[in-house]
PDB file of all heavy atoms in Angstrom:
ATOM      1  N   MET A   1      11.023   9.945   1.458  1.00  0.00           N
ATOM      2  CA  MET A   1      10.497  10.198   0.123  1.00  0.00           C
ATOM      3  C   MET A   1       9.588  11.416   0.137  1.00  0.00           C
ATOM      4  O   MET A   1       8.758  11.583   1.033  1.00  0.00           O
ATOM      5  CB  MET A   1       9.711   8.990  -0.372  1.00  0.00           C
ATOM      6  CG  MET A   1      10.526   7.708  -0.460  1.00  0.00           C
ATOM      7  SD  MET A   1      11.918   7.829  -1.598  1.00  0.00           S
ATOM      8  CE  MET A   1      11.082   8.174  -3.160  1.00  0.00           C
ATOM      9  N   GLY A   2       9.755  12.246  -0.866  1.00  0.00           N
ATOM     10  CA  GLY A   2       8.960  13.467  -0.907  1.00  0.00           C
ATOM     11  C   GLY A   2       8.433  13.773  -2.294  1.00  0.00           C
ATOM     12  O   GLY A   2       8.952  13.283  -3.297  1.00  0.00           O
ATOM     13  N   TRP A   3       7.386  14.563  -2.304  1.00  0.00           N
ATOM     14  CA  TRP A   3       6.850  15.132  -3.536  1.00  0.00           C
ATOM     15  C   TRP A   3       7.027  16.645  -3.471  1.00  0.00           C
ATOM     16  O   TRP A   3       6.663  17.274  -2.468  1.00  0.00           O
ATOM     17  CB  TRP A   3       5.379  14.794  -3.716  1.00  0.00           C
ATOM     18  CG  TRP A   3       5.123  13.374  -4.105  1.00  0.00           C
ATOM     19  CD1 TRP A   3       4.783  12.335  -3.274  1.00  0.00           C
ATOM     20  CD2 TRP A   3       5.183  12.825  -5.416  1.00  0.00           C
ATOM     21  NE1 TRP A   3       4.641  11.181  -3.996  1.00  0.00           N
ATOM     22  CE2 TRP A   3       4.882  11.455  -5.328  1.00  0.00           C
ATOM     23  CE3 TRP A   3       5.480  13.356  -6.684  1.00  0.00           C
ATOM     24  CZ2 TRP A   3       4.841  10.613  -6.439  1.00  0.00           C
ATOM     25  CZ3 TRP A   3       5.450  12.526  -7.781  1.00  0.00           C
ATOM     26  CH2 TRP A   3       5.130  11.166  -7.656  1.00  0.00           C
ATOM     27  N   TYR A   4       7.581  17.193  -4.524  1.00  0.00           N
ATOM     28  CA  TYR A   4       7.759  18.622  -4.670  1.00  0.00           C
ATOM     29  C   TYR A   4       7.006  19.059  -5.927  1.00  0.00           C
ATOM     30  O   TYR A   4       6.681  18.236  -6.786  1.00  0.00           O
ATOM     31  CB  TYR A   4       9.238  18.981  -4.828  1.00  0.00           C
ATOM     32  CG  TYR A   4      10.077  18.812  -3.594  1.00  0.00           C
ATOM     33  CD1 TYR A   4      10.375  17.555  -3.090  1.00  0.00           C
ATOM     34  CD2 TYR A   4      10.591  19.921  -2.919  1.00  0.00           C
ATOM     35  CE1 TYR A   4      11.152  17.393  -1.954  1.00  0.00           C
ATOM     36  CE2 TYR A   4      11.370  19.779  -1.781  1.00  0.00           C
ATOM     37  CZ  TYR A   4      11.654  18.517  -1.312  1.00  0.00           C
ATOM     38  OH  TYR A   4      12.429  18.369  -0.188  1.00  0.00           O
ATOM     39  N   ARG A   5       6.780  20.361  -6.035  1.00  0.00           N
ATOM     40  CA  ARG A   5       6.176  20.878  -7.257  1.00  0.00           C
ATOM     41  C   ARG A   5       6.778  22.230  -7.602  1.00  0.00           C
ATOM     42  O   ARG A   5       7.246  22.947  -6.732  1.00  0.00           O
ATOM     43  CB  ARG A   5       4.665  20.983  -7.133  1.00  0.00           C
ATOM     44  CG  ARG A   5       4.173  21.992  -6.125  1.00  0.00           C
ATOM     45  CD  ARG A   5       2.649  21.900  -5.971  1.00  0.00           C
ATOM     46  NE  ARG A   5       2.132  22.837  -4.990  1.00  0.00           N
ATOM     47  CZ  ARG A   5       0.869  22.859  -4.563  1.00  0.00           C
ATOM     48  NH1 ARG A   5      -0.005  21.971  -5.038  1.00  0.00           N
ATOM     49  NH2 ARG A   5       0.479  23.740  -3.677  1.00  0.00           N
ATOM     50  N   GLN A   6       6.734  22.524  -8.887  1.00  0.00           N
ATOM     51  CA  GLN A   6       7.236  23.807  -9.362  1.00  0.00           C
ATOM     52  C   GLN A   6       6.301  24.332 -10.432  1.00  0.00           C
ATOM     53  O   GLN A   6       6.145  23.712 -11.492  1.00  0.00           O
ATOM     54  CB  GLN A   6       8.656  23.681  -9.907  1.00  0.00           C
ATOM     55  CG  GLN A   6       9.290  25.013 -10.242  1.00  0.00           C
ATOM     56  CD  GLN A   6      10.784  24.905 -10.472  1.00  0.00           C
ATOM     57  OE1 GLN A   6      11.320  23.828 -10.721  1.00  0.00           O
ATOM     58  NE2 GLN A   6      11.470  26.028 -10.393  1.00  0.00           N
ATOM     59  N   ALA A   7       5.700  25.463 -10.132  1.00  0.00           N
ATOM     60  CA  ALA A   7       4.829  26.142 -11.093  1.00  0.00           C
ATOM     61  C   ALA A   7       5.661  27.122 -11.911  1.00  0.00           C
ATOM     62  O   ALA A   7       6.729  27.561 -11.456  1.00  0.00           O
ATOM     63  CB  ALA A   7       3.715  26.863 -10.357  1.00  0.00           C
ATOM     64  N   PRO A   8       5.197  27.493 -13.094  1.00  0.00           N
ATOM     65  CA  PRO A   8       5.960  28.426 -13.927  1.00  0.00           C
ATOM     66  C   PRO A   8       6.262  29.717 -13.196  1.00  0.00           C
ATOM     67  O   PRO A   8       5.370  30.327 -12.584  1.00  0.00           O
ATOM     68  CB  PRO A   8       5.021  28.677 -15.113  1.00  0.00           C
ATOM     69  CG  PRO A   8       4.190  27.451 -15.196  1.00  0.00           C
ATOM     70  CD  PRO A   8       3.994  27.011 -13.770  1.00  0.00           C
ATOM     71  N   GLY A   9       7.526  30.115 -13.205  1.00  0.00           N
ATOM     72  CA  GLY A   9       7.929  31.358 -12.575  1.00  0.00           C
ATOM     73  C   GLY A   9       8.047  31.302 -11.067  1.00  0.00           C
ATOM     74  O   GLY A   9       8.294  32.333 -10.429  1.00  0.00           O
ATOM     75  N   LYS A  10       7.867  30.118 -10.488  1.00  0.00           N
ATOM     76  CA  LYS A  10       7.932  29.989  -9.031  1.00  0.00           C
ATOM     77  C   LYS A  10       9.026  29.014  -8.632  1.00  0.00           C
ATOM     78  O   LYS A  10       9.487  28.202  -9.437  1.00  0.00           O
ATOM     79  CB  LYS A  10       6.578  29.527  -8.484  1.00  0.00           C
ATOM     80  CG  LYS A  10       5.457  30.532  -8.678  1.00  0.00           C
ATOM     81  CD  LYS A  10       4.209  30.112  -7.933  1.00  0.00           C
ATOM     82  CE  LYS A  10       3.124  31.152  -8.052  1.00  0.00           C
ATOM     83  NZ  LYS A  10       1.895  30.779  -7.294  1.00  0.00           N
ATOM     84  N   LYS A  11       9.407  29.100  -7.374  1.00  0.00           N
ATOM     85  CA  LYS A  11      10.410  28.185  -6.850  1.00  0.00           C
ATOM     86  C   LYS A  11       9.792  26.810  -6.598  1.00  0.00           C
ATOM     87  O   LYS A  11       8.588  26.688  -6.368  1.00  0.00           O
ATOM     88  CB  LYS A  11      10.995  28.734  -5.540  1.00  0.00           C
ATOM     89  CG  LYS A  11      11.814  30.001  -5.695  1.00  0.00           C
ATOM     90  CD  LYS A  11      12.381  30.439  -4.348  1.00  0.00           C
ATOM     91  CE  LYS A  11      13.232  31.686  -4.503  1.00  0.00           C
ATOM     92  NZ  LYS A  11      13.796  32.147  -3.195  1.00  0.00           N
ATOM     93  N   ARG A  12      10.644  25.796  -6.643  1.00  0.00           N
ATOM     94  CA  ARG A  12      10.176  24.463  -6.304  1.00  0.00           C
ATOM     95  C   ARG A  12       9.839  24.428  -4.810  1.00  0.00           C
ATOM     96  O   ARG A  12      10.596  24.928  -3.968  1.00  0.00           O
ATOM     97  CB  ARG A  12      11.259  23.431  -6.632  1.00  0.00           C
ATOM     98  CG  ARG A  12      10.800  21.996  -6.545  1.00  0.00           C
ATOM     99  CD  ARG A  12      11.873  21.032  -7.028  1.00  0.00           C
ATOM    100  NE  ARG A  12      12.179  21.230  -8.443  1.00  0.00           N
ATOM    101  CZ  ARG A  12      12.945  20.406  -9.156  1.00  0.00           C
ATOM    102  NH1 ARG A  12      13.475  19.332  -8.584  1.00  0.00           N
ATOM    103  NH2 ARG A  12      13.190  20.661 -10.426  1.00  0.00           N
ATOM    104  N   GLU A  13       8.695  23.836  -4.483  1.00  0.00           N
ATOM    105  CA  GLU A  13       8.268  23.769  -3.090  1.00  0.00           C
ATOM    106  C   GLU A  13       7.953  22.332  -2.696  1.00  0.00           C
ATOM    107  O   GLU A  13       7.502  21.523  -3.523  1.00  0.00           O
ATOM    108  CB  GLU A  13       7.036  24.657  -2.836  1.00  0.00           C
ATOM    109  CG  GLU A  13       5.767  24.196  -3.513  1.00  0.00           C
ATOM    110  CD  GLU A  13       4.511  24.903  -3.003  1.00  0.00           C
ATOM    111  OE1 GLU A  13       4.573  25.617  -1.989  1.00  0.00           O
ATOM    112  OE2 GLU A  13       3.447  24.702  -3.636  1.00  0.00           O
ATOM    113  N   LEU A  14       8.185  22.061  -1.419  1.00  0.00           N
ATOM    114  CA  LEU A  14       7.846  20.757  -0.873  1.00  0.00           C
ATOM    115  C   LEU A  14       6.333  20.662  -0.725  1.00  0.00           C
ATOM    116  O   LEU A  14       5.702  21.559  -0.163  1.00  0.00           O
ATOM    117  CB  LEU A  14       8.519  20.557   0.480  1.00  0.00           C
ATOM    118  CG  LEU A  14       8.164  19.278   1.231  1.00  0.00           C
ATOM    119  CD1 LEU A  14       8.649  18.059   0.478  1.00  0.00           C
ATOM    120  CD2 LEU A  14       8.737  19.317   2.632  1.00  0.00           C
ATOM    121  N   VAL A  15       5.754  19.575  -1.214  1.00  0.00           N
ATOM    122  CA  VAL A  15       4.317  19.339  -1.091  1.00  0.00           C
ATOM    123  C   VAL A  15       4.045  18.391   0.072  1.00  0.00           C
ATOM    124  O   VAL A  15       3.192  18.667   0.925  1.00  0.00           O
ATOM    125  CB  VAL A  15       3.752  18.755  -2.393  1.00  0.00           C
ATOM    126  CG1 VAL A  15       2.278  18.412  -2.227  1.00  0.00           C
ATOM    127  CG2 VAL A  15       3.964  19.721  -3.554  1.00  0.00           C
ATOM    128  N   ALA A  16       4.739  17.265   0.091  1.00  0.00           N
ATOM    129  CA  ALA A  16       4.513  16.255   1.123  1.00  0.00           C
ATOM    130  C   ALA A  16       5.760  15.401   1.245  1.00  0.00           C
ATOM    131  O   ALA A  16       6.485  15.197   0.270  1.00  0.00           O
ATOM    132  CB  ALA A  16       3.311  15.376   0.781  1.00  0.00           C
ATOM    133  N   VAL A  17       5.988  14.907   2.448  1.00  0.00           N
ATOM    134  CA  VAL A  17       7.128  14.040   2.683  1.00  0.00           C
ATOM    135  C   VAL A  17       6.714  12.920   3.624  1.00  0.00           C
ATOM    136  O   VAL A  17       5.913  13.136   4.540  1.00  0.00           O
ATOM    137  CB  VAL A  17       8.320  14.819   3.246  1.00  0.00           C
ATOM    138  CG1 VAL A  17       7.992  15.460   4.580  1.00  0.00           C
ATOM    139  CG2 VAL A  17       9.560  13.948   3.348  1.00  0.00           C
ATOM    140  N   ILE A  18       7.233  11.728   3.353  1.00  0.00           N
ATOM    141  CA  ILE A  18       7.028  10.594   4.246  1.00  0.00           C
ATOM    142  C   ILE A  18       8.403  10.030   4.580  1.00  0.00           C
ATOM    143  O   ILE A  18       9.191   9.691   3.677  1.00  0.00           O
ATOM    144  CB  ILE A  18       6.083   9.545   3.622  1.00  0.00           C
ATOM    145  CG1 ILE A  18       5.840   8.387   4.600  1.00  0.00           C
ATOM    146  CG2 ILE A  18       6.574   9.041   2.271  1.00  0.00           C
ATOM    147  CD1 ILE A  18       4.668   7.484   4.188  1.00  0.00           C
ATOM    148  N   SER A  19       8.682   9.946   5.857  1.00  0.00           N
ATOM    149  CA  SER A  19      10.003   9.502   6.269  1.00  0.00           C
ATOM    150  C   SER A  19      10.140   7.985   6.164  1.00  0.00           C
ATOM    151  O   SER A  19       9.153   7.269   5.927  1.00  0.00           O
ATOM    152  CB  SER A  19      10.277   9.948   7.706  1.00  0.00           C
ATOM    153  OG  SER A  19       9.542   9.132   8.601  1.00  0.00           O
ATOM    154  N   ASN A  20      11.353   7.512   6.394  1.00  0.00           N
ATOM    155  CA  ASN A  20      11.570   6.069   6.348  1.00  0.00           C
ATOM    156  C   ASN A  20      10.855   5.353   7.488  1.00  0.00           C
ATOM    157  O   ASN A  20      10.633   4.144   7.432  1.00  0.00           O
ATOM    158  CB  ASN A  20      13.060   5.730   6.336  1.00  0.00           C
ATOM    159  CG  ASN A  20      13.825   6.387   7.469  1.00  0.00           C
ATOM    160  OD1 ASN A  20      13.251   6.842   8.441  1.00  0.00           O
ATOM    161  ND2 ASN A  20      15.143   6.457   7.314  1.00  0.00           N
ATOM    162  N   SER A  21      10.456   6.102   8.513  1.00  0.00           N
ATOM    163  CA  SER A  21       9.707   5.506   9.621  1.00  0.00           C
ATOM    164  C   SER A  21       8.205   5.724   9.483  1.00  0.00           C
ATOM    165  O   SER A  21       7.438   5.291  10.341  1.00  0.00           O
ATOM    166  CB  SER A  21      10.189   6.092  10.952  1.00  0.00           C
ATOM    167  OG  SER A  21       9.905   7.464  11.019  1.00  0.00           O
ATOM    168  N   GLY A  22       7.809   6.435   8.430  1.00  0.00           N
ATOM    169  CA  GLY A  22       6.385   6.633   8.189  1.00  0.00           C
ATOM    170  C   GLY A  22       5.820   7.959   8.658  1.00  0.00           C
ATOM    171  O   GLY A  22       4.619   8.212   8.507  1.00  0.00           O
ATOM    172  N   SER A  23       6.641   8.821   9.213  1.00  0.00           N
ATOM    173  CA  SER A  23       6.162  10.143   9.604  1.00  0.00           C
ATOM    174  C   SER A  23       5.842  10.953   8.357  1.00  0.00           C
ATOM    175  O   SER A  23       6.562  10.891   7.364  1.00  0.00           O
ATOM    176  CB  SER A  23       7.213  10.864  10.428  1.00  0.00           C
ATOM    177  OG  SER A  23       7.473  10.166  11.617  1.00  0.00           O
ATOM    178  N   ILE A  24       4.783  11.743   8.443  1.00  0.00           N
ATOM    179  CA  ILE A  24       4.279  12.461   7.271  1.00  0.00           C
ATOM    180  C   ILE A  24       4.114  13.942   7.587  1.00  0.00           C
ATOM    181  O   ILE A  24       3.675  14.313   8.686  1.00  0.00           O
ATOM    182  CB  ILE A  24       2.926  11.875   6.819  1.00  0.00           C
ATOM    183  CG1 ILE A  24       3.133  10.470   6.229  1.00  0.00           C
ATOM    184  CG2 ILE A  24       2.244  12.784   5.813  1.00  0.00           C
ATOM    185  CD1 ILE A  24       1.844   9.751   5.914  1.00  0.00           C
ATOM    186  N   ASN A  25       4.464  14.764   6.615  1.00  0.00           N
ATOM    187  CA  ASN A  25       4.217  16.200   6.708  1.00  0.00           C
ATOM    188  C   ASN A  25       3.732  16.727   5.363  1.00  0.00           C
ATOM    189  O   ASN A  25       4.144  16.224   4.310  1.00  0.00           O
ATOM    190  CB  ASN A  25       5.478  16.947   7.137  1.00  0.00           C
ATOM    191  CG  ASN A  25       5.724  16.849   8.618  1.00  0.00           C
ATOM    192  OD1 ASN A  25       5.009  17.431   9.420  1.00  0.00           O
ATOM    193  ND2 ASN A  25       6.728  16.078   8.989  1.00  0.00           N
ATOM    194  N   TYR A  26       2.875  17.734   5.434  1.00  0.00           N
ATOM    195  CA  TYR A  26       2.328  18.365   4.235  1.00  0.00           C
ATOM    196  C   TYR A  26       2.509  19.874   4.304  1.00  0.00           C
ATOM    197  O   TYR A  26       2.493  20.465   5.394  1.00  0.00           O
ATOM    198  CB  TYR A  26       0.824  18.094   4.101  1.00  0.00           C
ATOM    199  CG  TYR A  26       0.435  16.651   3.983  1.00  0.00           C
ATOM    200  CD1 TYR A  26      -0.004  15.938   5.106  1.00  0.00           C
ATOM    201  CD2 TYR A  26       0.492  15.992   2.766  1.00  0.00           C
ATOM    202  CE1 TYR A  26      -0.364  14.608   5.000  1.00  0.00           C
ATOM    203  CE2 TYR A  26       0.126  14.658   2.648  1.00  0.00           C
ATOM    204  CZ  TYR A  26      -0.302  13.969   3.776  1.00  0.00           C
ATOM    205  OH  TYR A  26      -0.664  12.651   3.670  1.00  0.00           O
ATOM    206  N   VAL A  27       2.628  20.497   3.146  1.00  0.00           N
ATOM    207  CA  VAL A  27       2.540  21.945   3.103  1.00  0.00           C
ATOM    208  C   VAL A  27       1.095  22.322   3.424  1.00  0.00           C
ATOM    209  O   VAL A  27       0.155  21.580   3.099  1.00  0.00           O
ATOM    210  CB  VAL A  27       2.979  22.478   1.714  1.00  0.00           C
ATOM    211  CG1 VAL A  27       2.008  22.058   0.623  1.00  0.00           C
ATOM    212  CG2 VAL A  27       3.170  23.970   1.751  1.00  0.00           C
ATOM    213  N   ASP A  28       0.900  23.449   4.064  1.00  0.00           N
ATOM    214  CA  ASP A  28      -0.435  23.818   4.540  1.00  0.00           C
ATOM    215  C   ASP A  28      -1.472  23.848   3.417  1.00  0.00           C
ATOM    216  O   ASP A  28      -2.631  23.487   3.628  1.00  0.00           O
ATOM    217  CB  ASP A  28      -0.385  25.184   5.225  1.00  0.00           C
ATOM    218  CG  ASP A  28       0.250  25.127   6.602  1.00  0.00           C
ATOM    219  OD1 ASP A  28       0.429  24.014   7.136  1.00  0.00           O
ATOM    220  OD2 ASP A  28       0.571  26.199   7.152  1.00  0.00           O
ATOM    221  N   SER A  29      -1.069  24.268   2.243  1.00  0.00           N
ATOM    222  CA  SER A  29      -2.025  24.459   1.154  1.00  0.00           C
ATOM    223  C   SER A  29      -2.656  23.163   0.648  1.00  0.00           C
ATOM    224  O   SER A  29      -3.657  23.216  -0.067  1.00  0.00           O
ATOM    225  CB  SER A  29      -1.360  25.194  -0.010  1.00  0.00           C
ATOM    226  OG  SER A  29      -0.260  24.450  -0.507  1.00  0.00           O
ATOM    227  N   VAL A  30      -2.090  22.013   0.999  1.00  0.00           N
ATOM    228  CA  VAL A  30      -2.646  20.750   0.511  1.00  0.00           C
ATOM    229  C   VAL A  30      -3.201  19.872   1.636  1.00  0.00           C
ATOM    230  O   VAL A  30      -3.750  18.795   1.360  1.00  0.00           O
ATOM    231  CB  VAL A  30      -1.609  19.937  -0.305  1.00  0.00           C
ATOM    232  CG1 VAL A  30      -0.991  20.798  -1.398  1.00  0.00           C
ATOM    233  CG2 VAL A  30      -0.531  19.340   0.593  1.00  0.00           C
ATOM    234  N   LYS A  31      -3.066  20.319   2.868  1.00  0.00           N
ATOM    235  CA  LYS A  31      -3.571  19.525   3.998  1.00  0.00           C
ATOM    236  C   LYS A  31      -5.069  19.275   3.849  1.00  0.00           C
ATOM    237  O   LYS A  31      -5.833  20.187   3.542  1.00  0.00           O
ATOM    238  CB  LYS A  31      -3.271  20.237   5.308  1.00  0.00           C
ATOM    239  CG  LYS A  31      -1.821  20.165   5.722  1.00  0.00           C
ATOM    240  CD  LYS A  31      -1.582  20.891   7.048  1.00  0.00           C
ATOM    241  CE  LYS A  31      -0.121  20.803   7.466  1.00  0.00           C
ATOM    242  NZ  LYS A  31       0.159  21.564   8.706  1.00  0.00           N
ATOM    243  N   GLY A  32      -5.453  18.031   4.055  1.00  0.00           N
ATOM    244  CA  GLY A  32      -6.859  17.653   3.925  1.00  0.00           C
ATOM    245  C   GLY A  32      -7.264  17.293   2.513  1.00  0.00           C
ATOM    246  O   GLY A  32      -8.368  16.788   2.300  1.00  0.00           O
ATOM    247  N   ARG A  33      -6.398  17.553   1.541  1.00  0.00           N
ATOM    248  CA  ARG A  33      -6.725  17.238   0.138  1.00  0.00           C
ATOM    249  C   ARG A  33      -5.776  16.192  -0.449  1.00  0.00           C
ATOM    250  O   ARG A  33      -6.198  15.378  -1.271  1.00  0.00           O
ATOM    251  CB  ARG A  33      -6.655  18.504  -0.718  1.00  0.00           C
ATOM    252  CG  ARG A  33      -7.605  19.604  -0.269  1.00  0.00           C
ATOM    253  CD  ARG A  33      -7.635  20.757  -1.280  1.00  0.00           C
ATOM    254  NE  ARG A  33      -6.340  21.418  -1.425  1.00  0.00           N
ATOM    255  CZ  ARG A  33      -5.675  21.533  -2.573  1.00  0.00           C
ATOM    256  NH1 ARG A  33      -6.175  21.004  -3.688  1.00  0.00           N
ATOM    257  NH2 ARG A  33      -4.506  22.163  -2.617  1.00  0.00           N
ATOM    258  N   PHE A  34      -4.522  16.228  -0.067  1.00  0.00           N
ATOM    259  CA  PHE A  34      -3.506  15.313  -0.601  1.00  0.00           C
ATOM    260  C   PHE A  34      -3.111  14.291   0.457  1.00  0.00           C
ATOM    261  O   PHE A  34      -3.083  14.599   1.650  1.00  0.00           O
ATOM    262  CB  PHE A  34      -2.256  16.074  -1.028  1.00  0.00           C
ATOM    263  CG  PHE A  34      -2.408  16.960  -2.233  1.00  0.00           C
ATOM    264  CD1 PHE A  34      -3.643  17.247  -2.786  1.00  0.00           C
ATOM    265  CD2 PHE A  34      -1.281  17.513  -2.828  1.00  0.00           C
ATOM    266  CE1 PHE A  34      -3.773  18.073  -3.885  1.00  0.00           C
ATOM    267  CE2 PHE A  34      -1.376  18.328  -3.938  1.00  0.00           C
ATOM    268  CZ  PHE A  34      -2.634  18.613  -4.465  1.00  0.00           C
ATOM    269  N   THR A  35      -2.776  13.099  -0.009  1.00  0.00           N
ATOM    270  CA  THR A  35      -2.308  12.044   0.882  1.00  0.00           C
ATOM    271  C   THR A  35      -1.082  11.375   0.273  1.00  0.00           C
ATOM    272  O   THR A  35      -1.133  10.926  -0.874  1.00  0.00           O
ATOM    273  CB  THR A  35      -3.398  10.983   1.105  1.00  0.00           C
ATOM    274  OG1 THR A  35      -4.572  11.596   1.639  1.00  0.00           O
ATOM    275  CG2 THR A  35      -2.910   9.909   2.081  1.00  0.00           C
ATOM    276  N   ILE A  36      -0.010  11.330   1.039  1.00  0.00           N
ATOM    277  CA  ILE A  36       1.201  10.648   0.604  1.00  0.00           C
ATOM    278  C   ILE A  36       1.245   9.275   1.275  1.00  0.00           C
ATOM    279  O   ILE A  36       0.832   9.123   2.434  1.00  0.00           O
ATOM    280  CB  ILE A  36       2.468  11.471   0.935  1.00  0.00           C
ATOM    281  CG1 ILE A  36       3.703  10.862   0.264  1.00  0.00           C
ATOM    282  CG2 ILE A  36       2.660  11.623   2.435  1.00  0.00           C
ATOM    283  CD1 ILE A  36       4.948  11.750   0.363  1.00  0.00           C
ATOM    284  N   ALA A  37       1.731   8.295   0.524  1.00  0.00           N
ATOM    285  CA  ALA A  37       1.860   6.942   1.062  1.00  0.00           C
ATOM    286  C   ALA A  37       3.026   6.256   0.367  1.00  0.00           C
ATOM    287  O   ALA A  37       3.416   6.658  -0.733  1.00  0.00           O
ATOM    288  CB  ALA A  37       0.568   6.156   0.849  1.00  0.00           C
ATOM    289  N   ARG A  38       3.552   5.248   1.019  1.00  0.00           N
ATOM    290  CA  ARG A  38       4.654   4.499   0.415  1.00  0.00           C
ATOM    291  C   ARG A  38       4.393   3.008   0.557  1.00  0.00           C
ATOM    292  O   ARG A  38       3.761   2.567   1.522  1.00  0.00           O
ATOM    293  CB  ARG A  38       5.991   4.872   1.059  1.00  0.00           C
ATOM    294  CG  ARG A  38       6.150   4.511   2.519  1.00  0.00           C
ATOM    295  CD  ARG A  38       7.432   5.121   3.110  1.00  0.00           C
ATOM    296  NE  ARG A  38       8.636   4.615   2.460  1.00  0.00           N
ATOM    297  CZ  ARG A  38       9.823   5.230   2.510  1.00  0.00           C
ATOM    298  NH1 ARG A  38       9.952   6.370   3.176  1.00  0.00           N
ATOM    299  NH2 ARG A  38      10.858   4.696   1.902  1.00  0.00           N
ATOM    300  N   ASP A  39       4.914   2.262  -0.409  1.00  0.00           N
ATOM    301  CA  ASP A  39       4.856   0.804  -0.375  1.00  0.00           C
ATOM    302  C   ASP A  39       6.287   0.314  -0.544  1.00  0.00           C
ATOM    303  O   ASP A  39       6.819   0.292  -1.660  1.00  0.00           O
ATOM    304  CB  ASP A  39       3.954   0.293  -1.502  1.00  0.00           C
ATOM    305  CG  ASP A  39       3.737  -1.221  -1.456  1.00  0.00           C
ATOM    306  OD1 ASP A  39       4.587  -1.912  -0.861  1.00  0.00           O
ATOM    307  OD2 ASP A  39       2.752  -1.689  -2.021  1.00  0.00           O
ATOM    308  N   ASN A  40       6.903  -0.056   0.555  1.00  0.00           N
ATOM    309  CA  ASN A  40       8.307  -0.460   0.507  1.00  0.00           C
ATOM    310  C   ASN A  40       8.498  -1.757  -0.278  1.00  0.00           C
ATOM    311  O   ASN A  40       9.565  -1.992  -0.845  1.00  0.00           O
ATOM    312  CB  ASN A  40       8.864  -0.606   1.913  1.00  0.00           C
ATOM    313  CG  ASN A  40       9.056   0.741   2.613  1.00  0.00           C
ATOM    314  OD1 ASN A  40       9.084   1.798   1.962  1.00  0.00           O
ATOM    315  ND2 ASN A  40       9.160   0.702   3.923  1.00  0.00           N
ATOM    316  N   ALA A  41       7.483  -2.589  -0.317  1.00  0.00           N
ATOM    317  CA  ALA A  41       7.583  -3.843  -1.072  1.00  0.00           C
ATOM    318  C   ALA A  41       7.640  -3.578  -2.576  1.00  0.00           C
ATOM    319  O   ALA A  41       8.207  -4.372  -3.334  1.00  0.00           O
ATOM    320  CB  ALA A  41       6.407  -4.753  -0.744  1.00  0.00           C
TER     321      ALA A  41
END
């Protein structure tokens, strides 16, 4: 599962992703500010 964003006039970019096993990655610009989480239930 991932979150992407698209600003006016810009390409859609990946913000954060959490894998089915729980691995997480963030784009550098949001590290330390954004947190992705999932609730499978």
